[in-house]
Amino acid sequence: MPFALWSAAHHQDDPVPALWTTAEGLGDVDTTCAITGGVVAARTGLDTVPRTWREPCEPLPDRVAAAEAGADAV
């Protein structure tokens, strides 16, 4: 957890280098990258995540789109 937060703090405006830095730290890479990615994306939004990374993913639930649009999440 501390390393994931350190990576996020050092690359707080760009998830790509944040995730690469985290992955290079080895250890439990999927967990630390999930933490780092979540922290950075919470700051920057999903638009900073490369489209090629988002395209193969499942669509987000409707409540996420509603929250991004400023509506109350259901």
N, C-alpha and C. Protein backbone atom coordinates (compact mmCIF):
# COMPACT_ATOMS: atom_id res chain seq x y z
N MET A 1 0.81 -1.19 0.00
CA MET A 1 0.00 0.00 0.00
C MET A 1 0.86 1.26 0.00
N PRO A 2 1.87 1.38 0.84
CA PRO A 2 2.67 2.60 0.83
C PRO A 2 3.33 2.86 -0.52
N PHE A 3 3.84 1.81 -1.17
CA PHE A 3 4.49 2.00 -2.46
C PHE A 3 3.49 2.44 -3.52
N ALA A 4 2.29 1.90 -3.50
CA ALA A 4 1.26 2.29 -4.46
C ALA A 4 0.92 3.77 -4.28
N LEU A 5 0.79 4.21 -3.06
CA LEU A 5 0.50 5.62 -2.80
C LEU A 5 1.66 6.52 -3.17
N TRP A 6 2.88 6.05 -2.95
CA TRP A 6 4.08 6.80 -3.35
C TRP A 6 4.09 6.98 -4.87
N SER A 7 3.81 5.91 -5.61
CA SER A 7 3.77 5.99 -7.07
C SER A 7 2.71 6.98 -7.53
N ALA A 8 1.55 6.91 -6.92
CA ALA A 8 0.46 7.83 -7.28
C ALA A 8 0.85 9.27 -6.98
N ALA A 9 1.48 9.50 -5.85
CA ALA A 9 1.87 10.86 -5.47
C ALA A 9 2.92 11.44 -6.40
N HIS A 10 3.79 10.59 -6.92
CA HIS A 10 4.85 11.07 -7.80
C HIS A 10 4.40 11.22 -9.26
N HIS A 11 3.25 10.71 -9.59
CA HIS A 11 2.71 10.82 -10.96
C HIS A 11 1.22 11.12 -10.88
N GLN A 12 0.85 12.09 -10.06
CA GLN A 12 -0.56 12.30 -9.76
C GLN A 12 -1.38 12.86 -10.90
N ASP A 13 -0.76 13.32 -11.97
CA ASP A 13 -1.52 13.87 -13.09
C ASP A 13 -1.50 13.00 -14.33
N ASP A 14 -0.83 11.85 -14.26
CA ASP A 14 -0.72 10.99 -15.45
C ASP A 14 -0.68 9.52 -15.02
N PRO A 15 -1.75 8.77 -15.30
CA PRO A 15 -1.80 7.38 -14.84
C PRO A 15 -0.80 6.45 -15.53
N VAL A 16 -0.39 6.75 -16.75
CA VAL A 16 0.50 5.83 -17.47
C VAL A 16 1.84 5.68 -16.74
N PRO A 17 2.59 6.76 -16.49
CA PRO A 17 3.84 6.56 -15.76
C PRO A 17 3.62 6.10 -14.32
N ALA A 18 2.49 6.48 -13.73
CA ALA A 18 2.20 6.02 -12.37
C ALA A 18 2.08 4.50 -12.34
N LEU A 19 1.38 3.95 -13.32
CA LEU A 19 1.20 2.49 -13.36
C LEU A 19 2.49 1.77 -13.73
N TRP A 20 3.25 2.34 -14.67
CA TRP A 20 4.52 1.68 -15.02
C TRP A 20 5.49 1.70 -13.84
N THR A 21 5.55 2.81 -13.13
CA THR A 21 6.41 2.87 -11.94
C THR A 21 5.98 1.84 -10.91
N THR A 22 4.69 1.71 -10.72
CA THR A 22 4.17 0.74 -9.76
C THR A 22 4.48 -0.69 -10.21
N ALA A 23 4.28 -0.99 -11.48
CA ALA A 23 4.54 -2.34 -11.98
C ALA A 23 6.01 -2.70 -11.87
N GLU A 24 6.89 -1.73 -12.06
CA GLU A 24 8.33 -1.99 -11.96
C GLU A 24 8.76 -2.30 -10.54
N GLY A 25 7.90 -1.98 -9.58
CA GLY A 25 8.22 -2.26 -8.18
C GLY A 25 8.05 -3.73 -7.82
N LEU A 26 7.48 -4.51 -8.75
CA LEU A 26 7.24 -5.94 -8.56
C LEU A 26 6.30 -6.17 -7.38
N GLY A 27 6.42 -7.28 -6.72
CA GLY A 27 5.50 -7.61 -5.63
C GLY A 27 4.13 -8.00 -6.16
N ASP A 28 3.10 -7.62 -5.47
CA ASP A 28 1.72 -7.94 -5.83
C ASP A 28 1.23 -6.88 -6.83
N VAL A 29 1.72 -6.99 -8.07
CA VAL A 29 1.56 -5.95 -9.08
C VAL A 29 0.10 -5.62 -9.38
N ASP A 30 -0.76 -6.64 -9.47
CA ASP A 30 -2.15 -6.33 -9.81
C ASP A 30 -2.83 -5.50 -8.72
N THR A 31 -2.53 -5.80 -7.48
CA THR A 31 -3.14 -5.05 -6.38
C THR A 31 -2.56 -3.64 -6.28
N THR A 32 -1.24 -3.52 -6.34
CA THR A 32 -0.63 -2.19 -6.21
C THR A 32 -1.00 -1.30 -7.39
N CYS A 33 -1.08 -1.86 -8.60
CA CYS A 33 -1.50 -1.07 -9.75
C CYS A 33 -2.96 -0.66 -9.65
N ALA A 34 -3.80 -1.52 -9.11
CA ALA A 34 -5.20 -1.16 -8.92
C ALA A 34 -5.33 0.01 -7.95
N ILE A 35 -4.55 -0.01 -6.89
CA ILE A 35 -4.59 1.08 -5.91
C ILE A 35 -4.07 2.36 -6.55
N THR A 36 -2.91 2.29 -7.18
CA THR A 36 -2.32 3.46 -7.82
C THR A 36 -3.26 4.03 -8.88
N GLY A 37 -3.77 3.16 -9.74
CA GLY A 37 -4.67 3.61 -10.80
C GLY A 37 -5.92 4.26 -10.25
N GLY A 38 -6.47 3.71 -9.19
CA GLY A 38 -7.66 4.28 -8.58
C GLY A 38 -7.40 5.65 -7.99
N VAL A 39 -6.27 5.82 -7.34
CA VAL A 39 -5.94 7.11 -6.73
C VAL A 39 -5.72 8.16 -7.81
N VAL A 40 -4.94 7.82 -8.83
CA VAL A 40 -4.66 8.80 -9.90
C VAL A 40 -5.92 9.12 -10.68
N ALA A 41 -6.71 8.12 -11.02
CA ALA A 41 -7.95 8.35 -11.78
C ALA A 41 -8.96 9.16 -10.96
N ALA A 42 -8.95 8.99 -9.65
CA ALA A 42 -9.84 9.80 -8.81
C ALA A 42 -9.47 11.27 -8.90
N ARG A 43 -8.21 11.54 -9.10
CA ARG A 43 -7.75 12.94 -9.22
C ARG A 43 -7.96 13.48 -10.63
N THR A 44 -7.67 12.66 -11.64
CA THR A 44 -7.64 13.17 -13.01
C THR A 44 -8.88 12.85 -13.83
N GLY A 45 -9.65 11.85 -13.41
CA GLY A 45 -10.79 11.40 -14.20
C GLY A 45 -10.35 10.32 -15.18
N LEU A 46 -11.33 9.69 -15.79
CA LEU A 46 -11.03 8.57 -16.70
C LEU A 46 -10.47 9.02 -18.04
N ASP A 47 -10.62 10.29 -18.38
CA ASP A 47 -10.13 10.76 -19.68
C ASP A 47 -8.62 10.69 -19.81
N THR A 48 -7.90 10.62 -18.69
CA THR A 48 -6.44 10.53 -18.76
C THR A 48 -5.96 9.09 -18.98
N VAL A 49 -6.87 8.14 -18.84
CA VAL A 49 -6.53 6.74 -19.11
C VAL A 49 -6.59 6.54 -20.62
N PRO A 50 -5.52 6.03 -21.24
CA PRO A 50 -5.51 5.87 -22.69
C PRO A 50 -6.72 5.08 -23.19
N ARG A 51 -7.28 5.54 -24.30
CA ARG A 51 -8.45 4.90 -24.89
C ARG A 51 -8.17 3.42 -25.19
N THR A 52 -6.98 3.10 -25.64
CA THR A 52 -6.65 1.71 -25.96
C THR A 52 -6.68 0.82 -24.72
N TRP A 53 -6.56 1.40 -23.55
CA TRP A 53 -6.65 0.63 -22.30
C TRP A 53 -8.10 0.45 -21.90
N ARG A 54 -8.95 1.42 -22.24
CA ARG A 54 -10.35 1.38 -21.82
C ARG A 54 -11.23 0.59 -22.78
N GLU A 55 -10.90 0.56 -24.05
CA GLU A 55 -11.77 -0.08 -25.05
C GLU A 55 -12.06 -1.56 -24.78
N PRO A 56 -11.07 -2.36 -24.38
CA PRO A 56 -11.38 -3.78 -24.18
C PRO A 56 -12.12 -4.08 -22.87
N CYS A 57 -12.39 -3.06 -22.07
CA CYS A 57 -13.06 -3.25 -20.79
C CYS A 57 -14.57 -3.33 -20.94
N GLU A 58 -15.20 -3.92 -19.96
CA GLU A 58 -16.67 -3.94 -19.91
C GLU A 58 -17.15 -2.52 -19.68
N PRO A 59 -18.35 -2.21 -20.17
CA PRO A 59 -18.88 -0.86 -19.92
C PRO A 59 -19.12 -0.64 -18.43
N LEU A 60 -18.97 0.60 -18.01
CA LEU A 60 -19.23 0.95 -16.62
C LEU A 60 -20.73 0.95 -16.37
N PRO A 61 -21.15 0.70 -15.14
CA PRO A 61 -22.58 0.73 -14.81
C PRO A 61 -23.18 2.11 -15.09
N ASP A 62 -24.47 2.15 -15.34
CA ASP A 62 -25.16 3.41 -15.62
C ASP A 62 -24.97 4.43 -14.50
N ARG A 63 -24.87 3.97 -13.27
CA ARG A 63 -24.73 4.90 -12.15
C ARG A 63 -23.43 5.69 -12.23
N VAL A 64 -22.39 5.10 -12.85
CA VAL A 64 -21.12 5.81 -13.01
C VAL A 64 -21.28 6.94 -14.01
N ALA A 65 -21.93 6.65 -15.14
CA ALA A 65 -22.18 7.69 -16.15
C ALA A 65 -23.03 8.80 -15.55
N ALA A 66 -24.01 8.45 -14.74
CA ALA A 66 -24.86 9.46 -14.10
C ALA A 66 -24.06 10.32 -13.15
N ALA A 67 -23.17 9.71 -12.40
CA ALA A 67 -22.33 10.46 -11.46
C ALA A 67 -21.38 11.40 -12.19
N GLU A 68 -20.82 10.93 -13.31
CA GLU A 68 -19.93 11.78 -14.10
C GLU A 68 -20.68 12.96 -14.70
N ALA A 69 -21.95 12.76 -15.02
CA ALA A 69 -22.78 13.82 -15.60
C ALA A 69 -23.28 14.78 -14.52
N GLY A 70 -23.01 14.48 -13.27
CA GLY A 70 -23.42 15.35 -12.18
C GLY A 70 -24.79 15.00 -11.60
N ALA A 71 -25.41 13.94 -12.10
CA ALA A 71 -26.71 13.52 -11.58
C ALA A 71 -26.50 12.67 -10.33
N ASP A 72 -27.55 12.49 -9.57
CA ASP A 72 -27.49 11.60 -8.40
C ASP A 72 -27.35 10.17 -8.86
N ALA A 73 -26.40 9.43 -8.27
CA ALA A 73 -26.23 8.02 -8.61
C ALA A 73 -27.40 7.23 -8.04
N VAL A 74 -27.84 6.26 -8.80
CA VAL A 74 -28.98 5.44 -8.38
C VAL A 74 -28.49 4.27 -7.59
